[in-house]
N, C-alpha and C. Protein backbone atom coordinates (compact mmCIF):
# COMPACT_ATOMS: atom_id res chain seq x y z
N MET A 1 0.82 -1.20 0.00
CA MET A 1 0.00 0.00 0.00
C MET A 1 0.86 1.26 0.00
N THR A 2 2.00 1.23 0.67
CA THR A 2 2.82 2.43 0.74
C THR A 2 3.44 2.80 -0.60
N GLU A 3 3.66 1.83 -1.51
CA GLU A 3 4.21 2.19 -2.80
C GLU A 3 3.22 2.99 -3.63
N LYS A 4 1.93 2.79 -3.44
CA LYS A 4 0.92 3.57 -4.14
C LYS A 4 0.86 5.01 -3.60
N PHE A 5 1.23 5.20 -2.34
CA PHE A 5 1.21 6.50 -1.70
C PHE A 5 2.62 6.82 -1.22
N PRO A 6 3.50 7.28 -2.13
CA PRO A 6 4.92 7.43 -1.79
C PRO A 6 5.21 8.36 -0.62
N ASN A 7 4.45 9.41 -0.43
CA ASN A 7 4.72 10.33 0.68
C ASN A 7 4.21 9.81 2.02
N GLN A 8 3.47 8.72 2.01
CA GLN A 8 2.91 8.16 3.25
C GLN A 8 4.03 7.66 4.16
N LYS A 9 4.98 6.96 3.62
CA LYS A 9 6.08 6.41 4.44
C LYS A 9 6.89 7.54 5.07
N GLU A 10 7.11 8.61 4.33
CA GLU A 10 7.85 9.76 4.83
C GLU A 10 7.14 10.38 6.03
N ARG A 11 5.82 10.51 5.95
CA ARG A 11 5.06 11.08 7.06
C ARG A 11 5.03 10.17 8.28
N GLN A 12 4.97 8.88 8.05
CA GLN A 12 4.86 7.92 9.15
C GLN A 12 6.09 7.94 10.05
N LYS A 13 7.25 8.28 9.51
CA LYS A 13 8.48 8.21 10.31
C LYS A 13 8.48 9.21 11.47
N ASP A 14 7.67 10.26 11.38
CA ASP A 14 7.63 11.28 12.42
C ASP A 14 6.75 10.91 13.61
N PHE A 15 6.00 9.82 13.51
CA PHE A 15 5.02 9.51 14.55
C PHE A 15 5.16 8.08 15.04
N ASN A 16 4.87 7.89 16.32
CA ASN A 16 4.84 6.55 16.90
C ASN A 16 3.42 6.02 16.98
N CYS A 17 2.45 6.83 16.52
CA CYS A 17 1.06 6.39 16.59
C CYS A 17 0.32 6.77 15.32
N SER A 18 -0.76 6.09 15.07
CA SER A 18 -1.53 6.32 13.86
C SER A 18 -2.28 7.66 13.90
N LEU A 19 -2.58 8.18 15.09
CA LEU A 19 -3.27 9.46 15.18
C LEU A 19 -2.42 10.58 14.59
N GLY A 20 -1.15 10.57 14.87
CA GLY A 20 -0.26 11.58 14.29
C GLY A 20 -0.25 11.54 12.79
N PHE A 21 -0.18 10.33 12.23
CA PHE A 21 -0.23 10.19 10.78
C PHE A 21 -1.56 10.71 10.23
N THR A 22 -2.66 10.32 10.87
CA THR A 22 -3.98 10.76 10.41
C THR A 22 -4.08 12.28 10.40
N MET A 23 -3.55 12.93 11.42
CA MET A 23 -3.62 14.38 11.49
C MET A 23 -2.78 15.05 10.40
N THR A 24 -1.71 14.41 9.94
CA THR A 24 -0.96 14.99 8.83
C THR A 24 -1.75 14.91 7.53
N VAL A 25 -2.63 13.93 7.42
CA VAL A 25 -3.43 13.77 6.21
C VAL A 25 -4.60 14.76 6.20
N ILE A 26 -5.28 14.94 7.32
CA ILE A 26 -6.48 15.79 7.34
C ILE A 26 -6.33 17.03 8.21
N GLY A 27 -5.16 17.23 8.82
CA GLY A 27 -5.06 18.21 9.88
C GLY A 27 -4.66 19.63 9.53
N SER A 28 -4.56 19.99 8.26
CA SER A 28 -4.25 21.38 7.96
C SER A 28 -5.48 22.24 8.25
N LYS A 29 -5.30 23.53 8.22
CA LYS A 29 -6.40 24.44 8.53
C LYS A 29 -7.61 24.19 7.61
N TRP A 30 -7.36 23.89 6.34
CA TRP A 30 -8.45 23.81 5.37
C TRP A 30 -8.74 22.41 4.85
N ARG A 31 -7.80 21.48 4.94
CA ARG A 31 -7.93 20.20 4.24
C ARG A 31 -9.18 19.43 4.62
N ALA A 32 -9.48 19.30 5.89
CA ALA A 32 -10.67 18.55 6.30
C ALA A 32 -11.95 19.23 5.81
N ILE A 33 -11.93 20.56 5.79
CA ILE A 33 -13.11 21.30 5.31
C ILE A 33 -13.32 21.07 3.82
N VAL A 34 -12.24 21.12 3.04
CA VAL A 34 -12.34 20.88 1.60
C VAL A 34 -12.85 19.47 1.35
N LEU A 35 -12.28 18.50 2.04
CA LEU A 35 -12.73 17.11 1.87
C LEU A 35 -14.19 16.96 2.26
N TRP A 36 -14.60 17.59 3.36
CA TRP A 36 -15.99 17.52 3.82
C TRP A 36 -16.94 18.06 2.75
N ARG A 37 -16.57 19.18 2.15
CA ARG A 37 -17.43 19.76 1.09
C ARG A 37 -17.53 18.84 -0.11
N ILE A 38 -16.42 18.22 -0.47
CA ILE A 38 -16.43 17.29 -1.61
C ILE A 38 -17.28 16.07 -1.28
N LEU A 39 -17.16 15.57 -0.07
CA LEU A 39 -17.96 14.40 0.34
C LEU A 39 -19.45 14.71 0.31
N ASN A 40 -19.82 15.95 0.63
CA ASN A 40 -21.23 16.31 0.71
C ASN A 40 -21.81 16.90 -0.57
N SER A 41 -20.99 17.09 -1.59
CA SER A 41 -21.47 17.64 -2.86
C SER A 41 -20.90 16.84 -4.02
N ASN A 42 -20.87 15.58 -3.89
CA ASN A 42 -20.21 14.69 -4.84
C ASN A 42 -21.03 14.54 -6.12
N PRO A 43 -20.51 14.84 -7.30
CA PRO A 43 -19.25 15.52 -7.60
C PRO A 43 -19.42 17.02 -7.46
N ILE A 44 -18.28 17.72 -7.41
CA ILE A 44 -18.34 19.18 -7.28
C ILE A 44 -17.26 19.80 -8.17
N ARG A 45 -17.63 20.89 -8.80
CA ARG A 45 -16.69 21.63 -9.65
C ARG A 45 -15.95 22.66 -8.79
N TYR A 46 -14.80 23.10 -9.29
CA TYR A 46 -13.93 24.00 -8.55
C TYR A 46 -14.67 25.28 -8.12
N GLY A 47 -15.37 25.92 -9.04
CA GLY A 47 -16.05 27.18 -8.74
C GLY A 47 -17.08 27.04 -7.63
N LYS A 48 -17.85 25.98 -7.69
CA LYS A 48 -18.86 25.76 -6.64
C LYS A 48 -18.19 25.46 -5.31
N LEU A 49 -17.11 24.68 -5.35
CA LEU A 49 -16.37 24.37 -4.13
C LEU A 49 -15.84 25.64 -3.49
N LYS A 50 -15.28 26.52 -4.31
CA LYS A 50 -14.73 27.79 -3.81
C LYS A 50 -15.84 28.63 -3.17
N LYS A 51 -17.03 28.64 -3.75
CA LYS A 51 -18.15 29.40 -3.19
C LYS A 51 -18.59 28.86 -1.83
N THR A 52 -18.45 27.55 -1.62
CA THR A 52 -18.87 26.97 -0.34
C THR A 52 -17.86 27.22 0.77
N ILE A 53 -16.65 27.67 0.40
CA ILE A 53 -15.60 27.98 1.38
C ILE A 53 -15.07 29.38 1.05
N PRO A 54 -15.85 30.42 1.31
CA PRO A 54 -15.50 31.76 0.85
C PRO A 54 -14.20 32.34 1.41
N ASN A 55 -13.77 31.92 2.58
CA ASN A 55 -12.57 32.52 3.18
C ASN A 55 -11.26 31.88 2.72
N ILE A 56 -11.33 30.85 1.92
CA ILE A 56 -10.11 30.21 1.43
C ILE A 56 -9.67 30.91 0.14
N SER A 57 -8.37 31.12 -0.01
CA SER A 57 -7.87 31.75 -1.23
C SER A 57 -7.80 30.71 -2.34
N HIS A 58 -7.76 31.18 -3.58
CA HIS A 58 -7.65 30.27 -4.71
C HIS A 58 -6.36 29.46 -4.63
N LYS A 59 -5.28 30.12 -4.23
CA LYS A 59 -3.98 29.44 -4.13
C LYS A 59 -4.04 28.30 -3.12
N VAL A 60 -4.57 28.57 -1.95
CA VAL A 60 -4.63 27.54 -0.90
C VAL A 60 -5.59 26.42 -1.31
N LEU A 61 -6.72 26.76 -1.91
CA LEU A 61 -7.66 25.73 -2.35
C LEU A 61 -6.99 24.81 -3.37
N ALA A 62 -6.29 25.39 -4.33
CA ALA A 62 -5.60 24.58 -5.34
C ALA A 62 -4.55 23.67 -4.69
N GLN A 63 -3.81 24.20 -3.72
CA GLN A 63 -2.80 23.40 -3.02
C GLN A 63 -3.44 22.25 -2.24
N GLU A 64 -4.53 22.53 -1.54
CA GLU A 64 -5.20 21.50 -0.75
C GLU A 64 -5.79 20.42 -1.64
N LEU A 65 -6.35 20.82 -2.78
CA LEU A 65 -6.89 19.83 -3.71
C LEU A 65 -5.79 18.91 -4.22
N LYS A 66 -4.63 19.47 -4.52
CA LYS A 66 -3.50 18.66 -4.99
C LYS A 66 -3.05 17.69 -3.90
N LYS A 67 -2.99 18.16 -2.66
CA LYS A 67 -2.57 17.29 -1.56
C LYS A 67 -3.59 16.18 -1.30
N LEU A 68 -4.87 16.52 -1.35
CA LEU A 68 -5.91 15.50 -1.17
C LEU A 68 -5.84 14.47 -2.29
N GLU A 69 -5.54 14.92 -3.49
CA GLU A 69 -5.40 13.99 -4.62
C GLU A 69 -4.15 13.12 -4.45
N MET A 70 -3.05 13.72 -4.00
CA MET A 70 -1.82 12.95 -3.75
C MET A 70 -2.03 11.87 -2.69
N ASP A 71 -2.85 12.17 -1.69
CA ASP A 71 -3.14 11.22 -0.63
C ASP A 71 -4.25 10.25 -1.01
N ALA A 72 -4.70 10.33 -2.25
CA ALA A 72 -5.74 9.44 -2.79
C ALA A 72 -7.04 9.54 -2.02
N LEU A 73 -7.36 10.75 -1.52
CA LEU A 73 -8.63 10.96 -0.83
C LEU A 73 -9.69 11.50 -1.78
N ILE A 74 -9.24 12.15 -2.85
CA ILE A 74 -10.15 12.64 -3.89
C ILE A 74 -9.58 12.29 -5.25
N GLU A 75 -10.46 12.35 -6.24
CA GLU A 75 -10.04 12.15 -7.62
C GLU A 75 -10.45 13.38 -8.41
N ARG A 76 -9.56 13.83 -9.27
CA ARG A 76 -9.82 14.96 -10.16
C ARG A 76 -10.21 14.37 -11.50
N VAL A 77 -11.43 14.70 -11.95
CA VAL A 77 -11.93 14.18 -13.22
C VAL A 77 -12.00 15.35 -14.19
N ALA A 78 -11.17 15.28 -15.24
CA ALA A 78 -11.14 16.34 -16.25
C ALA A 78 -11.87 15.87 -17.50
N TYR A 79 -12.74 16.72 -18.00
CA TYR A 79 -13.50 16.41 -19.20
C TYR A 79 -12.93 17.22 -20.36
N LEU A 80 -12.80 16.59 -21.50
CA LEU A 80 -12.25 17.26 -22.68
C LEU A 80 -13.35 18.04 -23.39
N THR A 81 -13.73 19.14 -22.80
CA THR A 81 -14.76 20.01 -23.36
C THR A 81 -14.22 21.42 -23.46
N ILE A 82 -14.90 22.23 -24.21
CA ILE A 82 -14.56 23.65 -24.28
C ILE A 82 -15.77 24.41 -23.79
N PRO A 83 -15.67 25.19 -22.72
CA PRO A 83 -14.49 25.34 -21.86
C PRO A 83 -14.22 24.06 -21.06
N ALA A 84 -13.01 23.97 -20.56
CA ALA A 84 -12.60 22.79 -19.79
C ALA A 84 -13.50 22.62 -18.57
N LYS A 85 -13.77 21.39 -18.24
CA LYS A 85 -14.62 21.08 -17.08
C LYS A 85 -13.87 20.10 -16.19
N VAL A 86 -13.76 20.43 -14.91
CA VAL A 86 -13.10 19.57 -13.94
C VAL A 86 -14.02 19.38 -12.75
N GLU A 87 -14.14 18.14 -12.31
CA GLU A 87 -14.93 17.82 -11.12
C GLU A 87 -14.05 17.07 -10.14
N TYR A 88 -14.41 17.18 -8.87
CA TYR A 88 -13.70 16.46 -7.81
C TYR A 88 -14.69 15.51 -7.15
N ILE A 89 -14.24 14.27 -6.98
CA ILE A 89 -15.05 13.26 -6.33
C ILE A 89 -14.21 12.56 -5.26
N PRO A 90 -14.85 12.10 -4.20
CA PRO A 90 -14.10 11.38 -3.18
C PRO A 90 -13.77 9.96 -3.65
N THR A 91 -12.63 9.46 -3.26
CA THR A 91 -12.28 8.07 -3.51
C THR A 91 -12.84 7.23 -2.36
N GLU A 92 -12.70 5.93 -2.46
CA GLU A 92 -13.12 5.06 -1.36
C GLU A 92 -12.33 5.40 -0.09
N ARG A 93 -11.07 5.70 -0.27
CA ARG A 93 -10.23 6.09 0.89
C ARG A 93 -10.76 7.38 1.51
N GLY A 94 -11.14 8.33 0.68
CA GLY A 94 -11.71 9.58 1.18
C GLY A 94 -13.05 9.37 1.86
N LYS A 95 -13.88 8.52 1.26
CA LYS A 95 -15.20 8.22 1.85
C LYS A 95 -15.06 7.56 3.22
N SER A 96 -13.95 6.86 3.43
CA SER A 96 -13.76 6.19 4.72
C SER A 96 -13.58 7.18 5.86
N LEU A 97 -13.32 8.44 5.54
CA LEU A 97 -13.17 9.48 6.57
C LEU A 97 -14.48 10.22 6.87
N GLU A 98 -15.53 9.92 6.12
CA GLU A 98 -16.79 10.67 6.25
C GLU A 98 -17.36 10.62 7.67
N LYS A 99 -17.44 9.45 8.27
CA LYS A 99 -18.00 9.34 9.63
C LYS A 99 -17.13 10.07 10.65
N ILE A 100 -15.83 9.99 10.46
CA ILE A 100 -14.91 10.68 11.37
C ILE A 100 -15.09 12.18 11.28
N LEU A 101 -15.15 12.69 10.05
CA LEU A 101 -15.34 14.13 9.87
C LEU A 101 -16.71 14.58 10.38
N ALA A 102 -17.73 13.74 10.22
CA ALA A 102 -19.06 14.06 10.74
C ALA A 102 -19.02 14.18 12.26
N GLU A 103 -18.31 13.28 12.92
CA GLU A 103 -18.18 13.34 14.38
C GLU A 103 -17.43 14.59 14.81
N LEU A 104 -16.37 14.94 14.09
CA LEU A 104 -15.64 16.18 14.40
C LEU A 104 -16.54 17.40 14.22
N CYS A 105 -17.36 17.37 13.19
CA CYS A 105 -18.31 18.46 12.94
C CYS A 105 -19.32 18.56 14.08
N ASN A 106 -19.85 17.43 14.50
CA ASN A 106 -20.82 17.41 15.61
C ASN A 106 -20.19 17.91 16.90
N TRP A 107 -18.95 17.50 17.16
CA TRP A 107 -18.24 17.95 18.35
C TRP A 107 -18.09 19.48 18.31
N GLY A 108 -17.71 20.00 17.15
CA GLY A 108 -17.56 21.45 17.00
C GLY A 108 -18.86 22.19 17.22
N LYS A 109 -19.96 21.66 16.69
CA LYS A 109 -21.28 22.31 16.90
C LYS A 109 -21.62 22.35 18.38
N LYS A 110 -21.30 21.28 19.08
CA LYS A 110 -21.63 21.19 20.50
C LYS A 110 -20.83 22.18 21.34
N TYR A 111 -19.56 22.36 21.02
CA TYR A 111 -18.69 23.14 21.88
C TYR A 111 -18.28 24.50 21.32
N MET A 112 -18.79 24.91 20.17
CA MET A 112 -18.43 26.20 19.58
C MET A 112 -18.96 27.38 20.39
N ASP A 113 -20.13 27.24 20.94
CA ASP A 113 -20.76 28.37 21.63
C ASP A 113 -20.12 28.70 22.91
């Protein structure tokens, strides 16, 4: 499995537990939010995704999408049309985080106030 995800082994060396590794995959300021939006709007185009996360810059959104794709949590589907059309869909690996992200969301709703 690690050969399919070359940067996974590099990240694992910094942690003695799986929680640390998991947090490197979903733990940036925006990554879990971007993945959550993709999971809940499957498939979603870049423009619509950007509208659902208004405070994220285009640069950061593009970077997070690339990282999520590198970690095989999402798939970028490009259509050969004019104008170009790109959609993002969650992979099975990405879908496996849905319940975890839902619980984090529920925890945040409970304790935000």
